[in-house]
Amino acid sequence: WYEYEPAEQHLVKQKHWWVQAEAMVGFFNAWQITGNNNYLQLSMHNWEYTKEHIIDRQNGEWVWGIAADDLLMAWEDKVGIWKCPYHNSRACLEIIKRIG
């Protein structure tokens, strides 16, 4: 999930594009450092989730995210001041560089 707001004791149940991208690289880093295949599986699981829910194959780009009910967060920008292809591009380039 996205984050926990301690003041309100509230878990923000959303999966944002940038968190998915950075998690994929982070788990891959952990696998490369430790050799623990659990981290590789987590990275791959994260990529499968991203391909299924975050990547917009019809119109291109990654969507903002998925809400707790597994519905697309269509009310958020696909591109805007807080949404650009930095994280997803970086994640893909990092993984390609390492497995290439």
N, C-alpha and C. Protein backbone atom coordinates (compact mmCIF):
# COMPACT_ATOMS: atom_id res chain seq x y z
N TRP A 1 0.83 -1.19 0.00
CA TRP A 1 0.00 0.00 0.00
C TRP A 1 0.87 1.23 0.00
N TYR A 2 0.25 2.39 -0.28
CA TYR A 2 1.02 3.59 -0.52
C TYR A 2 1.70 4.13 0.73
N GLU A 3 0.92 4.46 1.75
CA GLU A 3 1.52 5.01 2.95
C GLU A 3 0.57 4.92 4.12
N TYR A 4 1.12 5.13 5.32
CA TYR A 4 0.33 5.16 6.54
C TYR A 4 0.39 6.57 7.10
N GLU A 5 -0.78 7.13 7.40
CA GLU A 5 -0.85 8.47 7.99
C GLU A 5 -1.06 8.31 9.49
N PRO A 6 0.01 8.42 10.30
CA PRO A 6 -0.09 8.14 11.73
C PRO A 6 -1.03 9.08 12.48
N ALA A 7 -1.08 10.34 12.09
CA ALA A 7 -1.95 11.29 12.79
C ALA A 7 -3.41 10.86 12.72
N GLU A 8 -3.78 10.30 11.59
CA GLU A 8 -5.17 9.86 11.39
C GLU A 8 -5.32 8.35 11.56
N GLN A 9 -4.20 7.67 11.82
CA GLN A 9 -4.18 6.21 11.90
C GLN A 9 -4.90 5.60 10.70
N HIS A 10 -4.45 6.04 9.53
CA HIS A 10 -5.12 5.66 8.29
C HIS A 10 -4.10 5.13 7.29
N LEU A 11 -4.39 3.96 6.74
CA LEU A 11 -3.56 3.38 5.69
C LEU A 11 -4.13 3.79 4.35
N VAL A 12 -3.31 4.44 3.53
CA VAL A 12 -3.74 4.86 2.19
C VAL A 12 -3.62 3.63 1.29
N LYS A 13 -4.75 3.04 0.97
CA LYS A 13 -4.77 1.79 0.20
C LYS A 13 -4.83 2.09 -1.29
N GLN A 14 -3.67 2.50 -1.80
CA GLN A 14 -3.51 2.78 -3.23
C GLN A 14 -2.15 2.24 -3.65
N LYS A 15 -2.04 1.86 -4.90
CA LYS A 15 -0.76 1.41 -5.45
C LYS A 15 -0.41 2.36 -6.59
N HIS A 16 0.55 3.27 -6.31
CA HIS A 16 0.94 4.29 -7.28
C HIS A 16 2.03 3.79 -8.21
N TRP A 17 2.03 4.35 -9.42
CA TRP A 17 2.99 3.94 -10.46
C TRP A 17 4.43 4.03 -9.99
N TRP A 18 4.81 5.10 -9.32
CA TRP A 18 6.21 5.30 -9.00
C TRP A 18 6.67 4.35 -7.91
N VAL A 19 5.79 4.01 -6.99
CA VAL A 19 6.14 3.07 -5.93
C VAL A 19 6.36 1.68 -6.52
N GLN A 20 5.52 1.30 -7.47
CA GLN A 20 5.68 0.00 -8.12
C GLN A 20 7.01 -0.06 -8.87
N ALA A 21 7.35 1.02 -9.56
CA ALA A 21 8.61 1.07 -10.31
C ALA A 21 9.81 0.96 -9.38
N GLU A 22 9.81 1.75 -8.31
CA GLU A 22 10.95 1.76 -7.40
C GLU A 22 11.04 0.46 -6.60
N ALA A 23 9.90 -0.15 -6.28
CA ALA A 23 9.91 -1.43 -5.57
C ALA A 23 10.55 -2.51 -6.45
N MET A 24 10.22 -2.48 -7.72
CA MET A 24 10.79 -3.47 -8.64
C MET A 24 12.32 -3.38 -8.64
N VAL A 25 12.85 -2.18 -8.73
CA VAL A 25 14.31 -1.99 -8.72
C VAL A 25 14.89 -2.32 -7.35
N GLY A 26 14.20 -1.90 -6.30
CA GLY A 26 14.69 -2.18 -4.95
C GLY A 26 14.81 -3.67 -4.65
N PHE A 27 13.78 -4.42 -5.01
CA PHE A 27 13.84 -5.87 -4.81
C PHE A 27 14.93 -6.51 -5.68
N PHE A 28 15.09 -5.99 -6.89
CA PHE A 28 16.15 -6.50 -7.77
C PHE A 28 17.52 -6.20 -7.16
N ASN A 29 17.69 -5.00 -6.61
CA ASN A 29 18.94 -4.65 -5.91
C ASN A 29 19.22 -5.64 -4.79
N ALA A 30 18.19 -5.90 -3.98
CA ALA A 30 18.35 -6.80 -2.83
C ALA A 30 18.75 -8.19 -3.30
N TRP A 31 18.16 -8.65 -4.40
CA TRP A 31 18.53 -9.96 -4.94
C TRP A 31 19.98 -9.98 -5.39
N GLN A 32 20.41 -8.93 -6.11
CA GLN A 32 21.79 -8.88 -6.59
C GLN A 32 22.79 -8.84 -5.44
N ILE A 33 22.44 -8.15 -4.37
CA ILE A 33 23.36 -8.01 -3.23
C ILE A 33 23.41 -9.29 -2.40
N THR A 34 22.24 -9.88 -2.13
CA THR A 34 22.18 -11.02 -1.21
C THR A 34 22.17 -12.38 -1.89
N GLY A 35 21.73 -12.42 -3.14
CA GLY A 35 21.56 -13.71 -3.80
C GLY A 35 20.31 -14.45 -3.35
N ASN A 36 19.51 -13.84 -2.50
CA ASN A 36 18.28 -14.45 -1.99
C ASN A 36 17.20 -14.39 -3.08
N ASN A 37 16.81 -15.54 -3.59
CA ASN A 37 15.85 -15.59 -4.69
C ASN A 37 14.46 -15.07 -4.32
N ASN A 38 14.16 -14.97 -3.03
CA ASN A 38 12.88 -14.38 -2.63
C ASN A 38 12.76 -12.95 -3.15
N TYR A 39 13.86 -12.21 -3.12
CA TYR A 39 13.84 -10.83 -3.62
C TYR A 39 13.61 -10.78 -5.13
N LEU A 40 14.21 -11.70 -5.85
CA LEU A 40 13.99 -11.76 -7.29
C LEU A 40 12.52 -12.07 -7.58
N GLN A 41 11.94 -13.00 -6.83
CA GLN A 41 10.53 -13.33 -7.01
C GLN A 41 9.64 -12.13 -6.71
N LEU A 42 9.97 -11.36 -5.68
CA LEU A 42 9.19 -10.16 -5.36
C LEU A 42 9.29 -9.13 -6.48
N SER A 43 10.48 -8.97 -7.04
CA SER A 43 10.65 -8.04 -8.15
C SER A 43 9.82 -8.48 -9.35
N MET A 44 9.88 -9.76 -9.65
CA MET A 44 9.12 -10.29 -10.79
C MET A 44 7.61 -10.21 -10.54
N HIS A 45 7.19 -10.49 -9.31
CA HIS A 45 5.77 -10.39 -8.97
C HIS A 45 5.30 -8.94 -9.14
N ASN A 46 6.13 -8.01 -8.70
CA ASN A 46 5.80 -6.59 -8.84
C ASN A 46 5.67 -6.21 -10.31
N TRP A 47 6.56 -6.73 -11.15
CA TRP A 47 6.50 -6.44 -12.58
C TRP A 47 5.22 -7.01 -13.19
N GLU A 48 4.85 -8.22 -12.80
CA GLU A 48 3.61 -8.83 -13.32
C GLU A 48 2.40 -7.99 -12.91
N TYR A 49 2.37 -7.52 -11.66
CA TYR A 49 1.27 -6.66 -11.21
C TYR A 49 1.23 -5.38 -12.03
N THR A 50 2.39 -4.80 -12.25
CA THR A 50 2.49 -3.56 -13.02
C THR A 50 1.99 -3.76 -14.44
N LYS A 51 2.42 -4.84 -15.08
CA LYS A 51 1.97 -5.11 -16.45
C LYS A 51 0.46 -5.29 -16.51
N GLU A 52 -0.10 -5.93 -15.50
CA GLU A 52 -1.53 -6.23 -15.51
C GLU A 52 -2.39 -5.03 -15.14
N HIS A 53 -1.91 -4.18 -14.21
CA HIS A 53 -2.78 -3.13 -13.66
C HIS A 53 -2.33 -1.70 -13.93
N ILE A 54 -1.05 -1.46 -14.09
CA ILE A 54 -0.53 -0.09 -14.14
C ILE A 54 -0.25 0.39 -15.58
N ILE A 55 0.23 -0.48 -16.43
CA ILE A 55 0.55 -0.08 -17.80
C ILE A 55 -0.72 0.00 -18.63
N ASP A 56 -0.91 1.14 -19.28
CA ASP A 56 -2.06 1.34 -20.17
C ASP A 56 -1.63 0.93 -21.58
N ARG A 57 -1.92 -0.27 -21.95
CA ARG A 57 -1.50 -0.79 -23.25
C ARG A 57 -2.30 -0.20 -24.40
N GLN A 58 -3.49 0.28 -24.13
CA GLN A 58 -4.32 0.85 -25.19
C GLN A 58 -3.86 2.25 -25.57
N ASN A 59 -3.56 3.09 -24.57
CA ASN A 59 -3.23 4.49 -24.83
C ASN A 59 -1.78 4.85 -24.52
N GLY A 60 -1.01 3.90 -24.01
CA GLY A 60 0.38 4.18 -23.67
C GLY A 60 0.53 4.77 -22.28
N GLU A 61 1.76 4.76 -21.78
CA GLU A 61 2.15 5.32 -20.49
C GLU A 61 1.63 4.45 -19.33
N TRP A 62 2.07 4.75 -18.15
CA TRP A 62 1.61 4.07 -16.93
C TRP A 62 0.56 4.96 -16.28
N VAL A 63 -0.50 4.37 -15.77
CA VAL A 63 -1.54 5.15 -15.08
C VAL A 63 -1.03 5.56 -13.71
N TRP A 64 -1.73 6.48 -13.07
CA TRP A 64 -1.33 6.96 -11.75
C TRP A 64 -1.29 5.83 -10.74
N GLY A 65 -2.36 5.03 -10.73
CA GLY A 65 -2.37 3.94 -9.77
C GLY A 65 -3.71 3.22 -9.71
N ILE A 66 -3.76 2.32 -8.73
CA ILE A 66 -4.93 1.50 -8.49
C ILE A 66 -5.37 1.74 -7.05
N ALA A 67 -6.67 1.94 -6.86
CA ALA A 67 -7.23 2.16 -5.53
C ALA A 67 -7.47 0.82 -4.83
N ALA A 68 -7.87 0.89 -3.56
CA ALA A 68 -8.06 -0.31 -2.75
C ALA A 68 -9.05 -1.29 -3.35
N ASP A 69 -10.01 -0.78 -4.08
CA ASP A 69 -11.03 -1.64 -4.69
C ASP A 69 -10.58 -2.21 -6.04
N ASP A 70 -9.28 -2.08 -6.33
CA ASP A 70 -8.67 -2.54 -7.59
C ASP A 70 -9.18 -1.79 -8.81
N LEU A 71 -9.74 -0.61 -8.59
CA LEU A 71 -10.19 0.22 -9.71
C LEU A 71 -9.12 1.23 -10.07
N LEU A 72 -9.04 1.54 -11.33
CA LEU A 72 -8.12 2.53 -11.85
C LEU A 72 -8.38 3.89 -11.22
N MET A 73 -7.34 4.59 -10.81
CA MET A 73 -7.47 5.93 -10.24
C MET A 73 -7.58 6.94 -11.39
N ALA A 74 -8.68 6.86 -12.12
CA ALA A 74 -8.87 7.66 -13.33
C ALA A 74 -8.98 9.16 -13.04
N TRP A 75 -9.26 9.53 -11.82
CA TRP A 75 -9.37 10.94 -11.46
C TRP A 75 -8.01 11.62 -11.35
N GLU A 76 -6.94 10.85 -11.33
CA GLU A 76 -5.59 11.41 -11.23
C GLU A 76 -5.01 11.60 -12.63
N ASP A 77 -4.07 12.54 -12.74
CA ASP A 77 -3.42 12.82 -14.02
C ASP A 77 -2.62 11.61 -14.50
N LYS A 78 -2.63 11.43 -15.79
CA LYS A 78 -1.75 10.43 -16.39
C LYS A 78 -0.38 11.07 -16.67
N VAL A 79 -0.41 12.34 -16.98
CA VAL A 79 0.80 13.15 -17.15
C VAL A 79 0.50 14.51 -16.55
N GLY A 80 1.41 15.04 -15.78
CA GLY A 80 1.19 16.34 -15.17
C GLY A 80 2.39 16.75 -14.34
N ILE A 81 2.20 17.76 -13.53
CA ILE A 81 3.31 18.29 -12.74
C ILE A 81 3.86 17.25 -11.76
N TRP A 82 3.01 16.36 -11.26
CA TRP A 82 3.46 15.32 -10.33
C TRP A 82 3.56 13.95 -10.98
N LYS A 83 3.25 13.86 -12.26
CA LYS A 83 3.27 12.56 -12.94
C LYS A 83 4.02 12.67 -14.25
N CYS A 84 5.19 12.09 -14.27
CA CYS A 84 5.99 12.06 -15.49
C CYS A 84 6.62 10.67 -15.60
N PRO A 85 7.24 10.33 -16.71
CA PRO A 85 7.76 8.98 -16.88
C PRO A 85 9.14 8.74 -16.25
N TYR A 86 9.53 9.53 -15.26
CA TYR A 86 10.85 9.36 -14.66
C TYR A 86 11.01 7.99 -14.00
N HIS A 87 10.16 7.67 -13.04
CA HIS A 87 10.33 6.45 -12.25
C HIS A 87 10.18 5.19 -13.10
N ASN A 88 9.15 5.15 -13.93
CA ASN A 88 8.95 3.95 -14.73
C ASN A 88 10.05 3.79 -15.78
N SER A 89 10.49 4.87 -16.39
CA SER A 89 11.59 4.78 -17.36
C SER A 89 12.87 4.33 -16.68
N ARG A 90 13.18 4.93 -15.54
CA ARG A 90 14.39 4.57 -14.80
C ARG A 90 14.37 3.10 -14.41
N ALA A 91 13.23 2.65 -13.90
CA ALA A 91 13.12 1.25 -13.47
C ALA A 91 13.37 0.30 -14.64
N CYS A 92 12.72 0.56 -15.74
CA CYS A 92 12.88 -0.32 -16.90
C CYS A 92 14.31 -0.30 -17.42
N LEU A 93 14.91 0.89 -17.51
CA LEU A 93 16.29 0.99 -18.00
C LEU A 93 17.27 0.29 -17.06
N GLU A 94 17.06 0.44 -15.74
CA GLU A 94 17.93 -0.22 -14.77
C GLU A 94 17.87 -1.74 -14.91
N ILE A 95 16.66 -2.27 -15.00
CA ILE A 95 16.52 -3.73 -15.11
C ILE A 95 17.10 -4.23 -16.43
N ILE A 96 16.80 -3.54 -17.52
CA ILE A 96 17.34 -3.94 -18.83
C ILE A 96 18.87 -3.94 -18.80
N LYS A 97 19.46 -2.90 -18.22
CA LYS A 97 20.92 -2.80 -18.14
C LYS A 97 21.50 -3.98 -17.36
N ARG A 98 20.83 -4.38 -16.31
CA ARG A 98 21.38 -5.43 -15.45
C ARG A 98 21.18 -6.84 -16.00
N ILE A 99 20.11 -7.06 -16.73
CA ILE A 99 19.88 -8.41 -17.25
C ILE A 99 20.39 -8.56 -18.68
N GLY A 100 20.71 -7.41 -19.32
CA GLY A 100 21.14 -7.42 -20.72
C GLY A 100 22.48 -7.96 -20.87
